[in-house]
C-alpha atoms as a PDB file:
ATOM      1  CA  MET A   1      -0.085   0.044   0.063  1.00  0.00           C
ATOM      2  CA  THR A   2       1.574   3.435  -0.967  1.00  0.00           C
ATOM      3  CA  LEU A   3      -0.035   6.524   0.550  1.00  0.00           C
ATOM      4  CA  ASP A   4       0.338   9.964  -0.559  1.00  0.00           C
ATOM      5  CA  ARG A   5      -1.121  12.873   1.520  1.00  0.00           C
ATOM      6  CA  ARG A   6      -3.367  14.061  -1.167  1.00  0.00           C
ATOM      7  CA  VAL A   7      -4.314  10.602  -2.814  1.00  0.00           C
ATOM      8  CA  ALA A   8      -4.487   7.101  -1.571  1.00  0.00           C
ATOM      9  CA  THR A   9      -3.456   4.809  -4.389  1.00  0.00           C
ATOM     10  CA  THR A  10      -2.094   1.265  -4.785  1.00  0.00           C
ATOM     11  CA  SER A  11       1.373   0.720  -5.856  1.00  0.00           C
ATOM     12  CA  ALA A  12      -0.058  -1.427  -8.888  1.00  0.00           C
ATOM     13  CA  GLN A  13      -1.407   1.666 -10.552  1.00  0.00           C
ATOM     14  CA  ALA A  14       0.742   2.491 -13.635  1.00  0.00           C
ATOM     15  CA  ASN A  15       0.934   6.199 -13.117  1.00  0.00           C
ATOM     16  CA  ASN A  16       2.071   6.146  -9.511  1.00  0.00           C
ATOM     17  CA  PRO A  17       3.788   9.419  -8.939  1.00  0.00           C
ATOM     18  CA  MET A  18       6.335   8.041  -6.644  1.00  0.00           C
ATOM     19  CA  GLU A  19       7.928   4.708  -5.576  1.00  0.00           C
ATOM     20  CA  THR A  20       8.994   3.398  -2.289  1.00  0.00           C
ATOM     21  CA  ASP A  21      11.772   0.956  -1.463  1.00  0.00           C
ATOM     22  CA  GLY A  22       9.562  -1.152   0.946  1.00  0.00           C
ATOM     23  CA  ARG A  23      11.083   0.699   3.929  1.00  0.00           C
ATOM     24  CA  CYS A  24       8.683   3.642   4.124  1.00  0.00           C
ATOM     25  CA  ALA A  25      11.129   6.188   2.915  1.00  0.00           C
ATOM     26  CA  PRO A  26      10.610   7.612  -0.585  1.00  0.00           C
ATOM     27  CA  THR A  27      13.296   6.716  -3.080  1.00  0.00           C
ATOM     28  CA  ALA A  28      12.131   8.799  -6.088  1.00  0.00           C
ATOM     29  CA  HIS A  29      10.157  12.227  -6.137  1.00  0.00           C
ATOM     30  CA  ARG A  30       7.997  13.571  -8.645  1.00  0.00           C
ATOM     31  CA  GLN A  31       9.871  14.289 -11.903  1.00  0.00           C
ATOM     32  CA  GLY A  32      10.011  17.703 -13.182  1.00  0.00           C
ATOM     33  CA  VAL A  33      11.820  19.644 -15.870  1.00  0.00           C
ATOM     34  CA  GLY A  34      15.543  19.023 -15.400  1.00  0.00           C
ATOM     35  CA  GLN A  35      15.126  16.189 -12.852  1.00  0.00           C
ATOM     36  CA  GLU A  36      16.208  12.624 -13.516  1.00  0.00           C
ATOM     37  CA  LYS A  37      14.488   9.708 -12.052  1.00  0.00           C
ATOM     38  CA  ARG A  38      16.270   8.457  -9.080  1.00  0.00           C
ATOM     39  CA  GLU A  39      17.061   4.557  -9.121  1.00  0.00           C
ATOM     40  CA  THR A  40      15.255   2.543  -6.332  1.00  0.00           C
ATOM     41  CA  SER A  41      15.980  -0.800  -4.806  1.00  0.00           C
ATOM     42  CA  MET A  42      12.753  -2.183  -6.244  1.00  0.00           C
ATOM     43  CA  ASN A  43      14.106  -1.456  -9.641  1.00  0.00           C
ATOM     44  CA  HIS A  44      17.600  -2.941  -8.696  1.00  0.00           C
ATOM     45  CA  PRO A  45      17.250  -5.264  -5.620  1.00  0.00           C
ATOM     46  CA  GLU A  46      20.928  -5.839  -5.292  1.00  0.00           C
ATOM     47  CA  LYS A  47      20.895  -2.155  -4.348  1.00  0.00           C
ATOM     48  CA  SER A  48      19.752  -0.932  -0.995  1.00  0.00           C
ATOM     49  CA  SER A  49      19.079   2.480   0.383  1.00  0.00           C
ATOM     50  CA  PRO A  50      19.973   3.847   3.736  1.00  0.00           C
ATOM     51  CA  PRO A  51      17.201   4.062   6.372  1.00  0.00           C
ATOM     52  CA  ALA A  52      15.192   7.110   6.425  1.00  0.00           C
ATOM     53  CA  ARG A  53      16.885   9.894   8.408  1.00  0.00           C
ATOM     54  CA  ALA A  54      14.998  10.915  11.510  1.00  0.00           C
ATOM     55  CA  VAL A  55      15.606  14.549  12.086  1.00  0.00           C
ATOM     56  CA  SER A  56      13.340  17.324  13.053  1.00  0.00           C
ATOM     57  CA  PRO A  57      12.374  20.238  10.872  1.00  0.00           C
ATOM     58  CA  GLU A  58      13.996  22.382  13.353  1.00  0.00           C
ATOM     59  CA  ASP A  59      17.502  21.128  12.435  1.00  0.00           C
ATOM     60  CA  GLY A  60      17.597  23.450   9.525  1.00  0.00           C
ATOM     61  CA  ASP A  61      18.603  20.838   6.953  1.00  0.00           C
ATOM     62  CA  ASP A  62      15.921  20.799   4.436  1.00  0.00           C
ATOM     63  CA  SER A  63      17.874  18.937   1.749  1.00  0.00           C
ATOM     64  CA  GLU A  64      16.684  15.593   2.692  1.00  0.00           C
ATOM     65  CA  PRO A  65      13.225  14.850   4.147  1.00  0.00           C
ATOM     66  CA  TYR A  66      12.817  13.488   7.634  1.00  0.00           C
ATOM     67  CA  PHE A  67      10.586  10.422   8.627  1.00  0.00           C
ATOM     68  CA  ALA A  68       9.296   9.208  11.868  1.00  0.00           C
ATOM     69  CA  HIS A  69       7.282   6.270  12.520  1.00  0.00           C
ATOM     70  CA  SER A  70       5.751   4.433  15.463  1.00  0.00           C
ATOM     71  CA  ALA A  71       3.378   1.335  16.310  1.00  0.00           C
ATOM     72  CA  THR A  72       1.439   1.482  19.537  1.00  0.00           C
ATOM     73  CA  LEU A  73      -0.911  -1.106  21.312  1.00  0.00           C
ATOM     74  CA  ARG A  74      -3.819   0.928  22.903  1.00  0.00           C
ATOM     75  CA  VAL A  75      -6.062  -0.378  25.433  1.00  0.00           C
ATOM     76  CA  PHE A  76      -8.679   2.180  26.856  1.00  0.00           C
ATOM     77  CA  GLY A  77     -12.109   2.382  28.452  1.00  0.00           C
ATOM     78  CA  ASP A  78     -13.707   3.160  31.793  1.00  0.00           C
ATOM     79  CA  THR A  79     -11.840   1.061  33.951  1.00  0.00           C
ATOM     80  CA  VAL A  80      -8.513  -0.267  32.678  1.00  0.00           C
ATOM     81  CA  ASP A  81      -6.401  -2.110  35.021  1.00  0.00           C
ATOM     82  CA  ARG A  82      -2.753  -1.011  34.262  1.00  0.00           C
ATOM     83  CA  GLN A  83      -1.186  -3.462  36.616  1.00  0.00           C
ATOM     84  CA  GLU A  84      -3.160  -6.594  35.363  1.00  0.00           C
ATOM     85  CA  ILE A  85      -2.551  -5.598  31.535  1.00  0.00           C
ATOM     86  CA  SER A  86       1.255  -5.024  32.332  1.00  0.00           C
ATOM     87  CA  ALA A  87       1.444  -8.276  34.207  1.00  0.00           C
ATOM     88  CA  ARG A  88      -0.538 -10.487  31.606  1.00  0.00           C
ATOM     89  CA  LEU A  89       1.345  -8.878  28.606  1.00  0.00           C
ATOM     90  CA  GLY A  90       4.831  -8.929  30.385  1.00  0.00           C
ATOM     91  CA  VAL A  91       5.546  -5.388  29.337  1.00  0.00           C
ATOM     92  CA  GLU A  92       5.189  -1.949  31.034  1.00  0.00           C
ATOM     93  CA  PRO A  93       3.295   0.780  29.334  1.00  0.00           C
ATOM     94  CA  THR A  94       5.218   3.527  27.621  1.00  0.00           C
ATOM     95  CA  HIS A  95       2.159   5.717  28.555  1.00  0.00           C
ATOM     96  CA  TRP A  96      -0.884   5.522  30.657  1.00  0.00           C
ATOM     97  CA  HIS A  97      -3.402   7.775  32.304  1.00  0.00           C
ATOM     98  CA  ARG A  98      -6.536   7.695  34.300  1.00  0.00           C
ATOM     99  CA  LYS A  99     -10.003   8.995  33.319  1.00  0.00           C
ATOM    100  CA  GLY A 100     -10.023  12.776  34.595  1.00  0.00           C
ATOM    101  CA  ASP A 101      -6.079  13.158  34.479  1.00  0.00           C
ATOM    102  CA  ARG A 102      -4.843  15.981  32.372  1.00  0.00           C
ATOM    103  CA  ARG A 103      -1.882  16.017  29.922  1.00  0.00           C
ATOM    104  CA  SER A 104      -0.993  19.457  31.011  1.00  0.00           C
ATOM    105  CA  PRO A 105      -2.525  21.963  33.522  1.00  0.00           C
ATOM    106  CA  GLY A 106      -4.778  23.797  30.757  1.00  0.00           C
ATOM    107  CA  ALA A 107      -5.641  20.474  28.773  1.00  0.00           C
ATOM    108  CA  ALA A 108      -9.039  19.147  28.940  1.00  0.00           C
ATOM    109  CA  PRO A 109      -9.304  15.967  31.108  1.00  0.00           C
ATOM    110  CA  TRP A 110      -8.897  12.466  29.599  1.00  0.00           C
ATOM    111  CA  GLU A 111     -12.204  10.875  28.701  1.00  0.00           C
ATOM    112  CA  HIS A 112     -11.103   7.368  29.736  1.00  0.00           C
ATOM    113  CA  ASP A 113      -8.358   5.168  31.225  1.00  0.00           C
ATOM    114  CA  ALA A 114      -5.643   4.183  28.892  1.00  0.00           C
ATOM    115  CA  TRP A 115      -2.781   1.654  28.657  1.00  0.00           C
ATOM    116  CA  ASN A 116      -0.351   2.171  25.843  1.00  0.00           C
ATOM    117  CA  TYR A 117       2.641   0.176  24.600  1.00  0.00           C
ATOM    118  CA  THR A 118       4.761   1.679  21.681  1.00  0.00           C
ATOM    119  CA  ALA A 119       7.405  -0.615  20.205  1.00  0.00           C
ATOM    120  CA  PRO A 120      10.884   0.429  21.176  1.00  0.00           C
ATOM    121  CA  ILE A 121      12.265   0.879  17.659  1.00  0.00           C
ATOM    122  CA  PRO A 122      14.131   4.012  16.661  1.00  0.00           C
ATOM    123  CA  LYS A 123      11.739   6.453  14.878  1.00  0.00           C
ATOM    124  CA  ASP A 124      13.649   6.389  11.558  1.00  0.00           C
ATOM    125  CA  ARG A 125      13.242   2.805  10.972  1.00  0.00           C
ATOM    126  CA  PRO A 126      10.491   1.640   8.486  1.00  0.00           C
ATOM    127  CA  LEU A 127       7.095   1.450   9.625  1.00  0.00           C
ATOM    128  CA  GLY A 128       6.903  -2.299   8.951  1.00  0.00           C
ATOM    129  CA  GLU A 129       9.766  -2.765  11.606  1.00  0.00           C
ATOM    130  CA  HIS A 130       7.681  -0.971  14.162  1.00  0.00           C
ATOM    131  CA  ILE A 131       4.676  -3.132  13.549  1.00  0.00           C
ATOM    132  CA  ASP A 132       6.678  -6.333  13.408  1.00  0.00           C
ATOM    133  CA  ALA A 133       8.351  -5.495  16.728  1.00  0.00           C
ATOM    134  CA  LEU A 134       4.989  -4.844  18.343  1.00  0.00           C
ATOM    135  CA  TRP A 135       3.449  -7.985  17.152  1.00  0.00           C
ATOM    136  CA  ALA A 136       6.493 -10.072  18.339  1.00  0.00           C
ATOM    137  CA  THR A 137       5.913  -8.696  21.675  1.00  0.00           C
ATOM    138  CA  ILE A 138       2.151  -9.202  22.018  1.00  0.00           C
ATOM    139  CA  LYS A 139       1.437 -12.127  19.839  1.00  0.00           C
ATOM    140  CA  PRO A 140       1.945 -14.777  22.280  1.00  0.00           C
ATOM    141  CA  LYS A 141      -0.904 -12.822  24.425  1.00  0.00           C
ATOM    142  CA  LYS A 142      -3.213 -12.788  21.531  1.00  0.00           C
ATOM    143  CA  SER A 143      -6.094 -14.759  23.362  1.00  0.00           C
ATOM    144  CA  TYR A 144      -5.692 -12.389  26.290  1.00  0.00           C
ATOM    145  CA  LEU A 145      -6.130  -9.473  24.076  1.00  0.00           C
ATOM    146  CA  LEU A 146      -9.092 -10.710  22.144  1.00  0.00           C
ATOM    147  CA  ALA A 147     -10.801 -11.411  25.620  1.00  0.00           C
ATOM    148  CA  LEU A 148      -9.757  -8.022  26.827  1.00  0.00           C
ATOM    149  CA  LYS A 149     -11.751  -6.595  23.915  1.00  0.00           C
ATOM    150  CA  GLU A 150     -15.024  -7.580  25.718  1.00  0.00           C
ATOM    151  CA  VAL A 151     -14.320  -4.886  28.437  1.00  0.00           C
ATOM    152  CA  ALA A 152     -12.220  -2.400  26.709  1.00  0.00           C
ATOM    153  CA  THR A 153     -11.206  -1.005  23.458  1.00  0.00           C
ATOM    154  CA  VAL A 154      -8.096  -2.561  22.025  1.00  0.00           C
ATOM    155  CA  ASP A 155      -6.343  -1.087  18.883  1.00  0.00           C
ATOM    156  CA  VAL A 156      -3.061  -0.754  17.067  1.00  0.00           C
ATOM    157  CA  PHE A 157      -2.277   2.946  16.243  1.00  0.00           C
ATOM    158  CA  LEU A 158       0.386   3.859  13.648  1.00  0.00           C
ATOM    159  CA  GLY A 159       2.270   6.961  13.298  1.00  0.00           C
ATOM    160  CA  TYR A 160       3.847   8.484  10.282  1.00  0.00           C
ATOM    161  CA  ARG A 161       5.363  12.081  10.407  1.00  0.00           C
ATOM    162  CA  SER A 162       7.489  13.667   7.733  1.00  0.00           C
ATOM    163  CA  ASP A 163       8.173  17.016   6.232  1.00  0.00           C
ATOM    164  CA  SER A 164       7.745  15.849   2.814  1.00  0.00           C
ATOM    165  CA  ASP A 165       4.144  16.439   1.300  1.00  0.00           C
ATOM    166  CA  THR A 166       5.064  14.081  -1.735  1.00  0.00           C
ATOM    167  CA  ALA A 167       6.346  11.159   0.368  1.00  0.00           C
ATOM    168  CA  GLY A 168       4.514   7.835   0.820  1.00  0.00           C
ATOM    169  CA  LEU A 169       5.139   4.551   2.732  1.00  0.00           C
ATOM    170  CA  ASP A 170       5.049   0.929   2.174  1.00  0.00           C
ATOM    171  CA  ILE A 171       3.887  -1.679   4.724  1.00  0.00           C
ATOM    172  CA  PRO A 172       5.018  -5.205   3.918  1.00  0.00           C
ATOM    173  CA  HIS A 173       1.944  -7.536   3.766  1.00  0.00           C
ATOM    174  CA  HIS A 174       3.413  -9.879   6.500  1.00  0.00           C
ATOM    175  CA  SER A 175       3.218  -6.818   8.721  1.00  0.00           C
ATOM    176  CA  LEU A 176      -0.362  -6.686   8.340  1.00  0.00           C
ATOM    177  CA  GLU A 177      -0.935  -9.972  10.430  1.00  0.00           C
ATOM    178  CA  ILE A 178      -1.390  -8.163  13.545  1.00  0.00           C
ATOM    179  CA  PHE A 179      -4.573  -6.411  12.338  1.00  0.00           C
ATOM    180  CA  ALA A 180      -6.239  -9.457  11.204  1.00  0.00           C
ATOM    181  CA  GLU A 181      -5.315 -11.712  14.170  1.00  0.00           C
ATOM    182  CA  LEU A 182      -6.424  -9.062  16.654  1.00  0.00           C
ATOM    183  CA  GLN A 183      -9.593  -8.178  14.558  1.00  0.00           C
ATOM    184  CA  VAL A 184      -8.667  -4.325  14.537  1.00  0.00           C
ATOM    185  CA  SER A 185      -8.583  -1.720  11.978  1.00  0.00           C
ATOM    186  CA  LEU A 186      -5.358  -0.236  10.667  1.00  0.00           C
ATOM    187  CA  ALA A 187      -5.349   3.355  12.307  1.00  0.00           C
ATOM    188  CA  LEU A 188      -2.699   5.652  10.748  1.00  0.00           C
ATOM    189  CA  SER A 189      -1.963   9.045  11.910  1.00  0.00           C
ATOM    190  CA  ILE A 190      -0.249  11.092   9.160  1.00  0.00           C
ATOM    191  CA  ILE A 191       1.423  14.313  10.192  1.00  0.00           C
ATOM    192  CA  ILE A 192       3.176  16.502   7.460  1.00  0.00           C
ATOM    193  CA  ALA A 193       5.026  19.258   9.357  1.00  0.00           C
END
């Protein structure tokens, strides 16, 4: 699946304006006057591209776009038992809060309890690696998570952040197993900043 901020398309479409190397970083940009098409690892499997560079827009280096990815298991509801979930899954949450807590003094209170676990993968790594690491951690506890869905909302939330408005991403098919097995939708937050 290749996504563009303006248009969602499949990589099978003949006039796809960009290609990805399967690692979530763009390897070719729209061609314009005087621009040559860059080679991709899809065109030449023997070539590999370096991982996407994780930098912030504040770094002042606008020569290469930055990319940041994440994959988070979220459990939320009216009464989420943080300690039980942590014990059953064998991991501590990377974020948790109680209903009524505030993110900051002026913020609105949270509407529900929440337990979140984000895969501990560097943000510049491809989104598929984030998903795969999350699934490797929680797959042995699939039955527990499916049962937990009876009393709480369980989902997998993906994050994609870049400063390029013409970039896209590619999620390998095997990385989608988590969504089918947990019977949850693929939720993707796209932030272009």
